[in-house]
Amino acid sequence: MIKFFKSKKVSPLIMLFMGGIILTVGDVVAAEWVRVGGNYLYFYIMIMYFIGMMILISSYKLEDIAVASTVLVIFNVAILTVVGALWFGEVVSLTKIVGLLLGMVAVVLLEMGKKIV
């Protein structure tokens, strides 16, 4: 997996989006672990977080550390908001929507900033 990312055949944004999805899976399993318990779930949580962090670390070769970390967190939060609303029945408030939009604007500005300099 790491060799694939190092070959630079994958866009950093796609790579970070995949990392965000994997971290989201870990977060959802963690929420389930808190609800029902079970040591086997804890093992899966750690595996998902490890894989997500390896993708983030691999992206540092293609992207600035601050940009990569910010993009991964924004993707993770956006996906978690959707999953939380659909799976856990959480309410998506106007404040959450505005926060997500501001996060998306931050990603666009960070990407644009790379191209201007």
PDB file of N, CA and C in Angstrom:
ATOM      1  N   MET A   1       0.823  -1.184   0.000  1.00  0.00           N
ATOM      2  CA  MET A   1       0.000   0.000   0.000  1.00  0.00           C
ATOM      3  C   MET A   1       0.870   1.251   0.000  1.00  0.00           C
ATOM      4  N   ILE A   2       1.898   1.287   0.848  1.00  0.00           N
ATOM      5  CA  ILE A   2       2.757   2.451   0.944  1.00  0.00           C
ATOM      6  C   ILE A   2       3.506   2.688  -0.360  1.00  0.00           C
ATOM      7  N   LYS A   3       3.983   1.625  -1.033  1.00  0.00           N
ATOM      8  CA  LYS A   3       4.695   1.770  -2.298  1.00  0.00           C
ATOM      9  C   LYS A   3       3.804   2.418  -3.353  1.00  0.00           C
ATOM     10  N   PHE A   4       2.516   2.069  -3.338  1.00  0.00           N
ATOM     11  CA  PHE A   4       1.571   2.636  -4.293  1.00  0.00           C
ATOM     12  C   PHE A   4       1.488   4.147  -4.116  1.00  0.00           C
ATOM     13  N   PHE A   5       1.399   4.598  -2.861  1.00  0.00           N
ATOM     14  CA  PHE A   5       1.304   6.025  -2.596  1.00  0.00           C
ATOM     15  C   PHE A   5       2.620   6.737  -2.888  1.00  0.00           C
ATOM     16  N   LYS A   6       3.738   6.086  -2.620  1.00  0.00           N
ATOM     17  CA  LYS A   6       5.042   6.693  -2.869  1.00  0.00           C
ATOM     18  C   LYS A   6       5.309   6.861  -4.354  1.00  0.00           C
ATOM     19  N   SER A   7       4.659   6.080  -5.175  1.00  0.00           N
ATOM     20  CA  SER A   7       4.900   6.165  -6.614  1.00  0.00           C
ATOM     21  C   SER A   7       4.293   7.425  -7.223  1.00  0.00           C
ATOM     22  N   LYS A   8       3.558   8.199  -6.439  1.00  0.00           N
ATOM     23  CA  LYS A   8       2.946   9.466  -6.864  1.00  0.00           C
ATOM     24  C   LYS A   8       1.928   9.268  -7.982  1.00  0.00           C
ATOM     25  N   LYS A   9       1.317   8.104  -8.054  1.00  0.00           N
ATOM     26  CA  LYS A   9       0.284   7.868  -9.042  1.00  0.00           C
ATOM     27  C   LYS A   9      -1.080   8.322  -8.539  1.00  0.00           C
ATOM     28  N   VAL A  10      -1.152   8.631  -7.233  1.00  0.00           N
ATOM     29  CA  VAL A  10      -2.406   9.021  -6.616  1.00  0.00           C
ATOM     30  C   VAL A  10      -2.314  10.489  -6.215  1.00  0.00           C
ATOM     31  N   SER A  11      -3.354  11.239  -6.530  1.00  0.00           N
ATOM     32  CA  SER A  11      -3.421  12.639  -6.121  1.00  0.00           C
ATOM     33  C   SER A  11      -3.425  12.713  -4.591  1.00  0.00           C
ATOM     34  N   PRO A  12      -2.723  13.698  -4.019  1.00  0.00           N
ATOM     35  CA  PRO A  12      -2.738  13.826  -2.559  1.00  0.00           C
ATOM     36  C   PRO A  12      -4.144  14.006  -1.993  1.00  0.00           C
ATOM     37  N   LEU A  13      -5.011  14.722  -2.716  1.00  0.00           N
ATOM     38  CA  LEU A  13      -6.377  14.915  -2.216  1.00  0.00           C
ATOM     39  C   LEU A  13      -7.153  13.600  -2.174  1.00  0.00           C
ATOM     40  N   ILE A  14      -6.977  12.770  -3.189  1.00  0.00           N
ATOM     41  CA  ILE A  14      -7.651  11.468  -3.196  1.00  0.00           C
ATOM     42  C   ILE A  14      -7.098  10.599  -2.073  1.00  0.00           C
ATOM     43  N   MET A  15      -5.802  10.633  -1.909  1.00  0.00           N
ATOM     44  CA  MET A  15      -5.163   9.860  -0.847  1.00  0.00           C
ATOM     45  C   MET A  15      -5.677  10.307   0.523  1.00  0.00           C
ATOM     46  N   LEU A  16      -5.779  11.613   0.749  1.00  0.00           N
ATOM     47  CA  LEU A  16      -6.260  12.124   2.035  1.00  0.00           C
ATOM     48  C   LEU A  16      -7.746  11.840   2.223  1.00  0.00           C
ATOM     49  N   PHE A  17      -8.510  11.858   1.137  1.00  0.00           N
ATOM     50  CA  PHE A  17      -9.930  11.501   1.230  1.00  0.00           C
ATOM     51  C   PHE A  17     -10.075  10.038   1.660  1.00  0.00           C
ATOM     52  N   MET A  18      -9.235   9.165   1.073  1.00  0.00           N
ATOM     53  CA  MET A  18      -9.259   7.749   1.475  1.00  0.00           C
ATOM     54  C   MET A  18      -8.883   7.611   2.948  1.00  0.00           C
ATOM     55  N   GLY A  19      -7.872   8.358   3.370  1.00  0.00           N
ATOM     56  CA  GLY A  19      -7.492   8.337   4.782  1.00  0.00           C
ATOM     57  C   GLY A  19      -8.616   8.816   5.675  1.00  0.00           C
ATOM     58  N   GLY A  20      -9.328   9.856   5.224  1.00  0.00           N
ATOM     59  CA  GLY A  20     -10.474  10.357   5.991  1.00  0.00           C
ATOM     60  C   GLY A  20     -11.574   9.325   6.111  1.00  0.00           C
ATOM     61  N   ILE A  21     -11.819   8.575   5.045  1.00  0.00           N
ATOM     62  CA  ILE A  21     -12.837   7.514   5.087  1.00  0.00           C
ATOM     63  C   ILE A  21     -12.417   6.418   6.067  1.00  0.00           C
ATOM     64  N   ILE A  22     -11.158   6.027   6.004  1.00  0.00           N
ATOM     65  CA  ILE A  22     -10.679   4.968   6.898  1.00  0.00           C
ATOM     66  C   ILE A  22     -10.757   5.420   8.357  1.00  0.00           C
ATOM     67  N   LEU A  23     -10.376   6.671   8.633  1.00  0.00           N
ATOM     68  CA  LEU A  23     -10.498   7.179  10.003  1.00  0.00           C
ATOM     69  C   LEU A  23     -11.960   7.255  10.433  1.00  0.00           C
ATOM     70  N   THR A  24     -12.843   7.578   9.508  1.00  0.00           N
ATOM     71  CA  THR A  24     -14.267   7.613   9.829  1.00  0.00           C
ATOM     72  C   THR A  24     -14.772   6.228  10.209  1.00  0.00           C
ATOM     73  N   VAL A  25     -14.333   5.210   9.480  1.00  0.00           N
ATOM     74  CA  VAL A  25     -14.702   3.832   9.840  1.00  0.00           C
ATOM     75  C   VAL A  25     -14.227   3.532  11.254  1.00  0.00           C
ATOM     76  N   GLY A  26     -12.993   3.939  11.566  1.00  0.00           N
ATOM     77  CA  GLY A  26     -12.479   3.749  12.921  1.00  0.00           C
ATOM     78  C   GLY A  26     -13.315   4.480  13.953  1.00  0.00           C
ATOM     79  N   ASP A  27     -13.746   5.700  13.639  1.00  0.00           N
ATOM     80  CA  ASP A  27     -14.575   6.475  14.562  1.00  0.00           C
ATOM     81  C   ASP A  27     -15.944   5.831  14.777  1.00  0.00           C
ATOM     82  N   VAL A  28     -16.534   5.313  13.702  1.00  0.00           N
ATOM     83  CA  VAL A  28     -17.845   4.657  13.815  1.00  0.00           C
ATOM     84  C   VAL A  28     -17.731   3.378  14.655  1.00  0.00           C
ATOM     85  N   VAL A  29     -16.674   2.607  14.421  1.00  0.00           N
ATOM     86  CA  VAL A  29     -16.462   1.400  15.215  1.00  0.00           C
ATOM     87  C   VAL A  29     -16.208   1.785  16.670  1.00  0.00           C
ATOM     88  N   ALA A  30     -15.497   2.904  16.901  1.00  0.00           N
ATOM     89  CA  ALA A  30     -15.255   3.368  18.275  1.00  0.00           C
ATOM     90  C   ALA A  30     -16.568   3.736  18.960  1.00  0.00           C
ATOM     91  N   ALA A  31     -17.466   4.382  18.239  1.00  0.00           N
ATOM     92  CA  ALA A  31     -18.771   4.724  18.817  1.00  0.00           C
ATOM     93  C   ALA A  31     -19.548   3.463  19.176  1.00  0.00           C
ATOM     94  N   GLU A  32     -19.457   2.466  18.318  1.00  0.00           N
ATOM     95  CA  GLU A  32     -20.122   1.191  18.601  1.00  0.00           C
ATOM     96  C   GLU A  32     -19.468   0.495  19.790  1.00  0.00           C
ATOM     97  N   TRP A  33     -18.149   0.574  19.888  1.00  0.00           N
ATOM     98  CA  TRP A  33     -17.420  -0.024  21.004  1.00  0.00           C
ATOM     99  C   TRP A  33     -17.844   0.604  22.328  1.00  0.00           C
ATOM    100  N   VAL A  34     -18.021   1.924  22.331  1.00  0.00           N
ATOM    101  CA  VAL A  34     -18.466   2.611  23.540  1.00  0.00           C
ATOM    102  C   VAL A  34     -19.870   2.146  23.917  1.00  0.00           C
ATOM    103  N   ARG A  35     -20.709   1.915  22.918  1.00  0.00           N
ATOM    104  CA  ARG A  35     -22.100   1.524  23.164  1.00  0.00           C
ATOM    105  C   ARG A  35     -22.226   0.088  23.660  1.00  0.00           C
ATOM    106  N   VAL A  36     -21.501  -0.849  23.043  1.00  0.00           N
ATOM    107  CA  VAL A  36     -21.694  -2.268  23.377  1.00  0.00           C
ATOM    108  C   VAL A  36     -20.483  -2.924  24.024  1.00  0.00           C
ATOM    109  N   GLY A  37     -19.309  -2.304  23.918  1.00  0.00           N
ATOM    110  CA  GLY A  37     -18.103  -2.898  24.500  1.00  0.00           C
ATOM    111  C   GLY A  37     -17.564  -4.011  23.617  1.00  0.00           C
ATOM    112  N   GLY A  38     -16.607  -4.717  24.134  1.00  0.00           N
ATOM    113  CA  GLY A  38     -16.008  -5.825  23.392  1.00  0.00           C
ATOM    114  C   GLY A  38     -14.589  -5.510  22.968  1.00  0.00           C
ATOM    115  N   ASN A  39     -13.651  -6.309  23.441  1.00  0.00           N
ATOM    116  CA  ASN A  39     -12.244  -6.068  23.129  1.00  0.00           C
ATOM    117  C   ASN A  39     -11.929  -6.231  21.654  1.00  0.00           C
ATOM    118  N   TYR A  40     -12.647  -7.083  20.949  1.00  0.00           N
ATOM    119  CA  TYR A  40     -12.375  -7.293  19.528  1.00  0.00           C
ATOM    120  C   TYR A  40     -12.617  -6.012  18.735  1.00  0.00           C
ATOM    121  N   LEU A  41     -13.595  -5.191  19.123  1.00  0.00           N
ATOM    122  CA  LEU A  41     -13.839  -3.928  18.424  1.00  0.00           C
ATOM    123  C   LEU A  41     -12.675  -2.960  18.624  1.00  0.00           C
ATOM    124  N   TYR A  42     -12.110  -2.980  19.826  1.00  0.00           N
ATOM    125  CA  TYR A  42     -10.969  -2.112  20.105  1.00  0.00           C
ATOM    126  C   TYR A  42      -9.816  -2.435  19.157  1.00  0.00           C
ATOM    127  N   PHE A  43      -9.600  -3.683  18.863  1.00  0.00           N
ATOM    128  CA  PHE A  43      -8.559  -4.108  17.930  1.00  0.00           C
ATOM    129  C   PHE A  43      -8.817  -3.524  16.537  1.00  0.00           C
ATOM    130  N   TYR A  44     -10.058  -3.586  16.060  1.00  0.00           N
ATOM    131  CA  TYR A  44     -10.398  -3.032  14.747  1.00  0.00           C
ATOM    132  C   TYR A  44     -10.225  -1.520  14.720  1.00  0.00           C
ATOM    133  N   ILE A  45     -10.562  -0.855  15.819  1.00  0.00           N
ATOM    134  CA  ILE A  45     -10.388   0.605  15.900  1.00  0.00           C
ATOM    135  C   ILE A  45      -8.924   0.960  15.702  1.00  0.00           C
ATOM    136  N   MET A  46      -8.060   0.276  16.418  1.00  0.00           N
ATOM    137  CA  MET A  46      -6.627   0.572  16.331  1.00  0.00           C
ATOM    138  C   MET A  46      -6.077   0.295  14.926  1.00  0.00           C
ATOM    139  N   ILE A  47      -6.555  -0.751  14.292  1.00  0.00           N
ATOM    140  CA  ILE A  47      -6.118  -1.058  12.924  1.00  0.00           C
ATOM    141  C   ILE A  47      -6.548   0.052  11.968  1.00  0.00           C
ATOM    142  N   MET A  48      -7.788   0.508  12.067  1.00  0.00           N
ATOM    143  CA  MET A  48      -8.280   1.569  11.182  1.00  0.00           C
ATOM    144  C   MET A  48      -7.499   2.861  11.410  1.00  0.00           C
ATOM    145  N   TYR A  49      -7.269   3.223  12.660  1.00  0.00           N
ATOM    146  CA  TYR A  49      -6.508   4.437  12.947  1.00  0.00           C
ATOM    147  C   TYR A  49      -5.074   4.320  12.438  1.00  0.00           C
ATOM    148  N   PHE A  50      -4.470   3.158  12.584  1.00  0.00           N
ATOM    149  CA  PHE A  50      -3.103   2.948  12.119  1.00  0.00           C
ATOM    150  C   PHE A  50      -3.024   3.120  10.600  1.00  0.00           C
ATOM    151  N   ILE A  51      -3.951   2.507   9.879  1.00  0.00           N
ATOM    152  CA  ILE A  51      -3.951   2.620   8.417  1.00  0.00           C
ATOM    153  C   ILE A  51      -4.200   4.068   7.991  1.00  0.00           C
ATOM    154  N   GLY A  52      -5.162   4.738   8.630  1.00  0.00           N
ATOM    155  CA  GLY A  52      -5.443   6.138   8.311  1.00  0.00           C
ATOM    156  C   GLY A  52      -4.239   7.034   8.543  1.00  0.00           C
ATOM    157  N   MET A  53      -3.533   6.809   9.642  1.00  0.00           N
ATOM    158  CA  MET A  53      -2.345   7.612   9.937  1.00  0.00           C
ATOM    159  C   MET A  53      -1.198   7.303   8.982  1.00  0.00           C
ATOM    160  N   MET A  54      -1.085   6.055   8.546  1.00  0.00           N
ATOM    161  CA  MET A  54      -0.054   5.713   7.565  1.00  0.00           C
ATOM    162  C   MET A  54      -0.309   6.424   6.237  1.00  0.00           C
ATOM    163  N   ILE A  55      -1.570   6.532   5.859  1.00  0.00           N
ATOM    164  CA  ILE A  55      -1.903   7.274   4.643  1.00  0.00           C
ATOM    165  C   ILE A  55      -1.560   8.747   4.818  1.00  0.00           C
ATOM    166  N   LEU A  56      -1.884   9.311   5.981  1.00  0.00           N
ATOM    167  CA  LEU A  56      -1.543  10.709   6.246  1.00  0.00           C
ATOM    168  C   LEU A  56      -0.035  10.918   6.178  1.00  0.00           C
ATOM    169  N   ILE A  57       0.717  10.052   6.824  1.00  0.00           N
ATOM    170  CA  ILE A  57       2.175  10.174   6.822  1.00  0.00           C
ATOM    171  C   ILE A  57       2.728  10.038   5.399  1.00  0.00           C
ATOM    172  N   SER A  58       2.171   9.130   4.623  1.00  0.00           N
ATOM    173  CA  SER A  58       2.613   8.966   3.235  1.00  0.00           C
ATOM    174  C   SER A  58       2.329  10.212   2.407  1.00  0.00           C
ATOM    175  N   SER A  59       1.256  10.911   2.744  1.00  0.00           N
ATOM    176  CA  SER A  59       0.898  12.113   1.978  1.00  0.00           C
ATOM    177  C   SER A  59       1.878  13.254   2.227  1.00  0.00           C
ATOM    178  N   TYR A  60       2.653  13.191   3.307  1.00  0.00           N
ATOM    179  CA  TYR A  60       3.616  14.257   3.589  1.00  0.00           C
ATOM    180  C   TYR A  60       4.694  14.343   2.516  1.00  0.00           C
ATOM    181  N   LYS A  61       4.909  13.275   1.756  1.00  0.00           N
ATOM    182  CA  LYS A  61       5.883  13.319   0.665  1.00  0.00           C
ATOM    183  C   LYS A  61       5.339  14.096  -0.529  1.00  0.00           C
ATOM    184  N   LEU A  62       4.029  14.246  -0.591  1.00  0.00           N
ATOM    185  CA  LEU A  62       3.398  14.896  -1.740  1.00  0.00           C
ATOM    186  C   LEU A  62       2.779  16.247  -1.396  1.00  0.00           C
ATOM    187  N   GLU A  63       2.614  16.528  -0.123  1.00  0.00           N
ATOM    188  CA  GLU A  63       1.859  17.694   0.319  1.00  0.00           C
ATOM    189  C   GLU A  63       2.525  18.269   1.563  1.00  0.00           C
ATOM    190  N   ASP A  64       2.391  19.575   1.790  1.00  0.00           N
ATOM    191  CA  ASP A  64       2.893  20.186   3.018  1.00  0.00           C
ATOM    192  C   ASP A  64       2.188  19.564   4.214  1.00  0.00           C
ATOM    193  N   ILE A  65       2.900  19.447   5.319  1.00  0.00           N
ATOM    194  CA  ILE A  65       2.355  18.777   6.497  1.00  0.00           C
ATOM    195  C   ILE A  65       1.095  19.494   7.020  1.00  0.00           C
ATOM    196  N   ALA A  66       1.128  20.812   7.061  1.00  0.00           N
ATOM    197  CA  ALA A  66      -0.031  21.558   7.570  1.00  0.00           C
ATOM    198  C   ALA A  66      -1.237  21.388   6.658  1.00  0.00           C
ATOM    199  N   VAL A  67      -0.994  21.454   5.363  1.00  0.00           N
ATOM    200  CA  VAL A  67      -2.083  21.309   4.393  1.00  0.00           C
ATOM    201  C   VAL A  67      -2.652  19.896   4.461  1.00  0.00           C
ATOM    202  N   ALA A  68      -1.790  18.887   4.454  1.00  0.00           N
ATOM    203  CA  ALA A  68      -2.250  17.494   4.472  1.00  0.00           C
ATOM    204  C   ALA A  68      -3.049  17.200   5.730  1.00  0.00           C
ATOM    205  N   SER A  69      -2.559  17.633   6.876  1.00  0.00           N
ATOM    206  CA  SER A  69      -3.260  17.369   8.131  1.00  0.00           C
ATOM    207  C   SER A  69      -4.621  18.061   8.161  1.00  0.00           C
ATOM    208  N   THR A  70      -4.662  19.297   7.698  1.00  0.00           N
ATOM    209  CA  THR A  70      -5.924  20.048   7.681  1.00  0.00           C
ATOM    210  C   THR A  70      -6.927  19.396   6.745  1.00  0.00           C
ATOM    211  N   VAL A  71      -6.474  19.029   5.558  1.00  0.00           N
ATOM    212  CA  VAL A  71      -7.373  18.411   4.576  1.00  0.00           C
ATOM    213  C   VAL A  71      -7.929  17.094   5.112  1.00  0.00           C
ATOM    214  N   LEU A  72      -7.085  16.271   5.712  1.00  0.00           N
ATOM    215  CA  LEU A  72      -7.553  14.987   6.251  1.00  0.00           C
ATOM    216  C   LEU A  72      -8.599  15.204   7.342  1.00  0.00           C
ATOM    217  N   VAL A  73      -8.362  16.150   8.225  1.00  0.00           N
ATOM    218  CA  VAL A  73      -9.317  16.412   9.312  1.00  0.00           C
ATOM    219  C   VAL A  73     -10.640  16.925   8.754  1.00  0.00           C
ATOM    220  N   ILE A  74     -10.579  17.817   7.771  1.00  0.00           N
ATOM    221  CA  ILE A  74     -11.821  18.339   7.175  1.00  0.00           C
ATOM    222  C   ILE A  74     -12.610  17.214   6.511  1.00  0.00           C
ATOM    223  N   PHE A  75     -11.924  16.360   5.747  1.00  0.00           N
ATOM    224  CA  PHE A  75     -12.606  15.218   5.135  1.00  0.00           C
ATOM    225  C   PHE A  75     -13.216  14.322   6.202  1.00  0.00           C
ATOM    226  N   ASN A  76     -12.461  14.035   7.258  1.00  0.00           N
ATOM    227  CA  ASN A  76     -12.951  13.163   8.333  1.00  0.00           C
ATOM    228  C   ASN A  76     -14.187  13.754   8.996  1.00  0.00           C
ATOM    229  N   VAL A  77     -14.159  15.039   9.298  1.00  0.00           N
ATOM    230  CA  VAL A  77     -15.294  15.690   9.964  1.00  0.00           C
ATOM    231  C   VAL A  77     -16.513  15.733   9.047  1.00  0.00           C
ATOM    232  N   ALA A  78     -16.307  16.026   7.769  1.00  0.00           N
ATOM    233  CA  ALA A  78     -17.423  16.081   6.828  1.00  0.00           C
ATOM    234  C   ALA A  78     -18.087  14.706   6.693  1.00  0.00           C
ATOM    235  N   ILE A  79     -17.275  13.670   6.549  1.00  0.00           N
ATOM    236  CA  ILE A  79     -17.827  12.321   6.412  1.00  0.00           C
ATOM    237  C   ILE A  79     -18.511  11.897   7.706  1.00  0.00           C
ATOM    238  N   LEU A  80     -17.905  12.238   8.853  1.00  0.00           N
ATOM    239  CA  LEU A  80     -18.521  11.892  10.137  1.00  0.00           C
ATOM    240  C   LEU A  80     -19.869  12.588  10.332  1.00  0.00           C
ATOM    241  N   THR A  81     -19.982  13.804   9.847  1.00  0.00           N
ATOM    242  CA  THR A  81     -21.257  14.518   9.963  1.00  0.00           C
ATOM    243  C   THR A  81     -22.358  13.797   9.191  1.00  0.00           C
ATOM    244  N   VAL A  82     -22.037  13.374   7.977  1.00  0.00           N
ATOM    245  CA  VAL A  82     -23.014  12.641   7.163  1.00  0.00           C
ATOM    246  C   VAL A  82     -23.352  11.298   7.810  1.00  0.00           C
ATOM    247  N   VAL A  83     -22.331  10.560   8.232  1.00  0.00           N
ATOM    248  CA  VAL A  83     -22.557   9.251   8.858  1.00  0.00           C
ATOM    249  C   VAL A  83     -23.330   9.407  10.166  1.00  0.00           C
ATOM    250  N   GLY A  84     -22.974  10.424  10.949  1.00  0.00           N
ATOM    251  CA  GLY A  84     -23.682  10.663  12.208  1.00  0.00           C
ATOM    252  C   GLY A  84     -25.160  10.941  11.988  1.00  0.00           C
ATOM    253  N   ALA A  85     -25.462  11.685  10.936  1.00  0.00           N
ATOM    254  CA  ALA A  85     -26.866  11.992  10.649  1.00  0.00           C
ATOM    255  C   ALA A  85     -27.613  10.768  10.125  1.00  0.00           C
ATOM    256  N   LEU A  86     -26.989  10.007   9.227  1.00  0.00           N
ATOM    257  CA  LEU A  86     -27.672   8.870   8.611  1.00  0.00           C
ATOM    258  C   LEU A  86     -27.701   7.633   9.514  1.00  0.00           C
ATOM    259  N   TRP A  87     -26.604   7.356  10.207  1.00  0.00           N
ATOM    260  CA  TRP A  87     -26.487   6.114  10.972  1.00  0.00           C
ATOM    261  C   TRP A  87     -26.958   6.283  12.420  1.00  0.00           C
ATOM    262  N   PHE A  88     -26.540   7.389  13.049  1.00  0.00           N
ATOM    263  CA  PHE A  88     -26.830   7.577  14.470  1.00  0.00           C
ATOM    264  C   PHE A  88     -27.986   8.533  14.727  1.00  0.00           C
ATOM    265  N   GLY A  89     -28.558   9.093  13.669  1.00  0.00           N
ATOM    266  CA  GLY A  89     -29.703   9.983  13.823  1.00  0.00           C
ATOM    267  C   GLY A  89     -29.362  11.316  14.468  1.00  0.00           C
ATOM    268  N   GLU A  90     -28.108  11.743  14.353  1.00  0.00           N
ATOM    269  CA  GLU A  90     -27.710  13.026  14.924  1.00  0.00           C
ATOM    270  C   GLU A  90     -28.281  14.169  14.099  1.00  0.00           C
ATOM    271  N   VAL A  91     -28.529  15.272  14.764  1.00  0.00           N
ATOM    272  CA  VAL A  91     -29.088  16.445  14.095  1.00  0.00           C
ATOM    273  C   VAL A  91     -27.956  17.242  13.459  1.00  0.00           C
ATOM    274  N   VAL A  92     -28.159  17.618  12.204  1.00  0.00           N
ATOM    275  CA  VAL A  92     -27.187  18.471  11.507  1.00  0.00           C
ATOM    276  C   VAL A  92     -27.724  19.898  11.580  1.00  0.00           C
ATOM    277  N   SER A  93     -27.134  20.682  12.466  1.00  0.00           N
ATOM    278  CA  SER A  93     -27.596  22.048  12.683  1.00  0.00           C
ATOM    279  C   SER A  93     -26.989  22.997  11.653  1.00  0.00           C
ATOM    280  N   LEU A  94     -27.530  24.180  11.613  1.00  0.00           N
ATOM    281  CA  LEU A  94     -27.015  25.212  10.716  1.00  0.00           C
ATOM    282  C   LEU A  94     -25.562  25.529  11.076  1.00  0.00           C
ATOM    283  N   THR A  95     -25.247  25.521  12.356  1.00  0.00           N
ATOM    284  CA  THR A  95     -23.881  25.789  12.795  1.00  0.00           C
ATOM    285  C   THR A  95     -22.914  24.743  12.246  1.00  0.00           C
ATOM    286  N   LYS A  96     -23.312  23.477  12.264  1.00  0.00           N
ATOM    287  CA  LYS A  96     -22.462  22.418  11.711  1.00  0.00           C
ATOM    288  C   LYS A  96     -22.271  22.593  10.213  1.00  0.00           C
ATOM    289  N   ILE A  97     -23.332  22.951   9.514  1.00  0.00           N
ATOM    290  CA  ILE A  97     -23.244  23.148   8.066  1.00  0.00           C
ATOM    291  C   ILE A  97     -22.308  24.308   7.743  1.00  0.00           C
ATOM    292  N   VAL A  98     -22.443  25.420   8.474  1.00  0.00           N
ATOM    293  CA  VAL A  98     -21.567  26.573   8.249  1.00  0.00           C
ATOM    294  C   VAL A  98     -20.118  26.195   8.558  1.00  0.00           C
ATOM    295  N   GLY A  99     -19.900  25.448   9.625  1.00  0.00           N
ATOM    296  CA  GLY A  99     -18.553  25.002   9.965  1.00  0.00           C
ATOM    297  C   GLY A  99     -17.948  24.135   8.875  1.00  0.00           C
ATOM    298  N   LEU A 100     -18.743  23.214   8.334  1.00  0.00           N
ATOM    299  CA  LEU A 100     -18.258  22.369   7.242  1.00  0.00           C
ATOM    300  C   LEU A 100     -17.941  23.187   5.992  1.00  0.00           C
ATOM    301  N   LEU A 101     -18.795  24.130   5.679  1.00  0.00           N
ATOM    302  CA  LEU A 101     -18.546  24.988   4.514  1.00  0.00           C
ATOM    303  C   LEU A 101     -17.269  25.808   4.694  1.00  0.00           C
ATOM    304  N   LEU A 102     -17.063  26.333   5.906  1.00  0.00           N
ATOM    305  CA  LEU A 102     -15.832  27.077   6.168  1.00  0.00           C
ATOM    306  C   LEU A 102     -14.608  26.163   6.054  1.00  0.00           C
ATOM    307  N   GLY A 103     -14.759  24.917   6.488  1.00  0.00           N
ATOM    308  CA  GLY A 103     -13.673  23.956   6.343  1.00  0.00           C
ATOM    309  C   GLY A 103     -13.362  23.685   4.887  1.00  0.00           C
ATOM    310  N   MET A 104     -14.393  23.556   4.077  1.00  0.00           N
ATOM    311  CA  MET A 104     -14.195  23.333   2.641  1.00  0.00           C
ATOM    312  C   MET A 104     -13.520  24.547   2.000  1.00  0.00           C
ATOM    313  N   VAL A 105     -13.924  25.744   2.421  1.00  0.00           N
ATOM    314  CA  VAL A 105     -13.279  26.958   1.915  1.00  0.00           C
ATOM    315  C   VAL A 105     -11.801  26.957   2.312  1.00  0.00           C
ATOM    316  N   ALA A 106     -11.500  26.514   3.525  1.00  0.00           N
ATOM    317  CA  ALA A 106     -10.107  26.432   3.976  1.00  0.00           C
ATOM    318  C   ALA A 106      -9.298  25.496   3.084  1.00  0.00           C
ATOM    319  N   VAL A 107      -9.871  24.362   2.725  1.00  0.00           N
ATOM    320  CA  VAL A 107      -9.175  23.416   1.848  1.00  0.00           C
ATOM    321  C   VAL A 107      -8.908  24.058   0.494  1.00  0.00           C
ATOM    322  N   VAL A 108      -9.897  24.735  -0.057  1.00  0.00           N
ATOM    323  CA  VAL A 108      -9.720  25.393  -1.355  1.00  0.00           C
ATOM    324  C   VAL A 108      -8.637  26.467  -1.266  1.00  0.00           C
ATOM    325  N   LEU A 109      -8.659  27.258  -0.202  1.00  0.00           N
ATOM    326  CA  LEU A 109      -7.657  28.318  -0.051  1.00  0.00           C
ATOM    327  C   LEU A 109      -6.253  27.733   0.121  1.00  0.00           C
ATOM    328  N   LEU A 110      -6.138  26.648   0.880  1.00  0.00           N
ATOM    329  CA  LEU A 110      -4.839  26.006   1.051  1.00  0.00           C
ATOM    330  C   LEU A 110      -4.317  25.472  -0.276  1.00  0.00           C
ATOM    331  N   GLU A 111      -5.194  24.866  -1.065  1.00  0.00           N
ATOM    332  CA  GLU A 111      -4.782  24.351  -2.371  1.00  0.00           C
ATOM    333  C   GLU A 111      -4.430  25.477  -3.336  1.00  0.00           C
ATOM    334  N   MET A 112      -5.191  26.565  -3.300  1.00  0.00           N
ATOM    335  CA  MET A 112      -4.911  27.706  -4.169  1.00  0.00           C
ATOM    336  C   MET A 112      -3.605  28.380  -3.760  1.00  0.00           C
ATOM    337  N   GLY A 113      -3.348  28.428  -2.460  1.00  0.00           N
ATOM    338  CA  GLY A 113      -2.127  29.058  -1.963  1.00  0.00           C
ATOM    339  C   GLY A 113      -0.886  28.383  -2.472  1.00  0.00           C
ATOM    340  N   LYS A 114      -0.954  27.061  -2.682  1.00  0.00           N
ATOM    341  CA  LYS A 114       0.190  26.319  -3.232  1.00  0.00           C
ATOM    342  C   LYS A 114       0.494  26.751  -4.657  1.00  0.00           C
ATOM    343  N   LYS A 115      -0.540  27.014  -5.420  1.00  0.00           N
ATOM    344  CA  LYS A 115      -0.369  27.302  -6.843  1.00  0.00           C
ATOM    345  C   LYS A 115       0.078  28.750  -7.091  1.00  0.00           C
ATOM    346  N   ILE A 116      -0.252  29.652  -6.183  1.00  0.00           N
ATOM    347  CA  ILE A 116       0.082  31.064  -6.353  1.00  0.00           C
ATOM    348  C   ILE A 116       1.560  31.284  -6.045  1.00  0.00           C
ATOM    349  N   VAL A 117       2.053  30.631  -5.013  1.00  0.00           N
ATOM    350  CA  VAL A 117       3.439  30.870  -4.576  1.00  0.00           C
ATOM    351  C   VAL A 117       4.428  30.266  -5.490  1.00  0.00           C
TER     352      VAL A 117
END
